[in-house]
C-alpha atoms as a PDB file:
ATOM      1  CA  UNK A   1       0.011  -0.019   0.337  1.00  0.00           C
ATOM      2  CA  UNK A   2       2.681   2.496   0.943  1.00  0.00           C
ATOM      3  CA  UNK A   3       4.314   1.800  -2.772  1.00  0.00           C
ATOM      4  CA  UNK A   4       0.701   2.923  -4.313  1.00  0.00           C
ATOM      5  CA  UNK A   5       0.766   6.073  -1.806  1.00  0.00           C
ATOM      6  CA  UNK A   6       4.057   6.870  -3.163  1.00  0.00           C
ATOM      7  CA  UNK A   7       3.731   6.921  -6.627  1.00  0.00           C
ATOM      8  CA  UNK A   8       0.398   8.266  -6.794  1.00  0.00           C
ATOM      9  CA  UNK A   9       2.044  11.276  -4.448  1.00  0.00           C
ATOM     10  CA  UNK A  10       4.757  11.775  -6.822  1.00  0.00           C
ATOM     11  CA  UNK A  11       2.614  12.131 -10.493  1.00  0.00           C
ATOM     12  CA  UNK A  12       0.103  14.458  -8.707  1.00  0.00           C
ATOM     13  CA  UNK A  13       3.320  16.893  -7.434  1.00  0.00           C
ATOM     14  CA  UNK A  14       4.421  16.316 -10.943  1.00  0.00           C
ATOM     15  CA  UNK A  15       0.901  16.786 -12.510  1.00  0.00           C
ATOM     16  CA  UNK A  16       0.710  20.258  -9.612  1.00  0.00           C
ATOM     17  CA  UNK A  17       3.906  21.276 -11.283  1.00  0.00           C
ATOM     18  CA  UNK A  18       3.043  21.374 -14.649  1.00  0.00           C
ATOM     19  CA  UNK A  19      -0.603  22.878 -14.229  1.00  0.00           C
ATOM     20  CA  UNK A  20       1.391  25.682 -12.896  1.00  0.00           C
ATOM     21  CA  UNK A  21       3.651  25.970 -15.611  1.00  0.00           C
ATOM     22  CA  UNK A  22       0.794  25.834 -18.390  1.00  0.00           C
ATOM     23  CA  UNK A  23      -0.900  28.887 -16.385  1.00  0.00           C
ATOM     24  CA  UNK A  24       1.674  31.000 -16.445  1.00  0.00           C
ATOM     25  CA  UNK A  25       1.221  34.871 -18.374  1.00  0.00           C
ATOM     26  CA  UNK A  26       4.192  35.095 -19.811  1.00  0.00           C
ATOM     27  CA  UNK A  27       4.083  31.090 -21.917  1.00  0.00           C
ATOM     28  CA  UNK A  28       1.023  33.111 -23.670  1.00  0.00           C
ATOM     29  CA  UNK A  29       3.099  35.619 -25.787  1.00  0.00           C
ATOM     30  CA  UNK A  30       6.435  35.290 -27.818  1.00  0.00           C
ATOM     31  CA  UNK A  31       8.038  38.892 -27.885  1.00  0.00           C
ATOM     32  CA  UNK A  32       8.709  40.154 -31.343  1.00  0.00           C
ATOM     33  CA  UNK A  33      11.747  39.836 -33.086  1.00  0.00           C
ATOM     34  CA  UNK A  34      14.868  42.506 -32.028  1.00  0.00           C
ATOM     35  CA  UNK A  35      12.297  43.129 -28.631  1.00  0.00           C
ATOM     36  CA  UNK A  36      13.639  42.462 -25.401  1.00  0.00           C
ATOM     37  CA  UNK A  37      12.042  40.068 -23.521  1.00  0.00           C
ATOM     38  CA  UNK A  38      10.253  41.514 -19.894  1.00  0.00           C
ATOM     39  CA  UNK A  39      11.486  41.040 -16.340  1.00  0.00           C
ATOM     40  CA  UNK A  40       9.432  38.118 -15.007  1.00  0.00           C
ATOM     41  CA  UNK A  41       6.868  38.687 -12.222  1.00  0.00           C
ATOM     42  CA  UNK A  42       7.812  37.924  -8.850  1.00  0.00           C
ATOM     43  CA  UNK A  43       4.733  38.061  -6.535  1.00  0.00           C
ATOM     44  CA  UNK A  44       4.406  36.641  -2.659  1.00  0.00           C
ATOM     45  CA  UNK A  45       6.431  37.642   0.453  1.00  0.00           C
ATOM     46  CA  UNK A  46       9.594  36.092  -0.787  1.00  0.00           C
ATOM     47  CA  UNK A  47       9.990  38.862  -3.764  1.00  0.00           C
ATOM     48  CA  UNK A  48      12.438  41.367  -1.520  1.00  0.00           C
ATOM     49  CA  UNK A  49      14.078  38.385  -0.941  1.00  0.00           C
ATOM     50  CA  UNK A  50      14.749  37.261  -4.366  1.00  0.00           C
ATOM     51  CA  UNK A  51      15.528  40.560  -5.435  1.00  0.00           C
ATOM     52  CA  UNK A  52      18.187  41.404  -2.866  1.00  0.00           C
ATOM     53  CA  UNK A  53      19.940  37.855  -3.332  1.00  0.00           C
ATOM     54  CA  UNK A  54      20.146  38.787  -7.654  1.00  0.00           C
ATOM     55  CA  UNK A  55      21.982  41.688  -6.897  1.00  0.00           C
ATOM     56  CA  UNK A  56      24.555  40.125  -4.217  1.00  0.00           C
END
């Protein structure tokens, strides 16, 4: 029974990650040739920490 739970859990997490990737807004639009790519939007409480880490 543990094996079925482990397999179901890993597949559910992979499906959740795929759904989150497919629902991103930046995947719906391709930039025009020569147009710079827009910076990704960072949301959530960890946004300032990530920006500080990039600068360091």
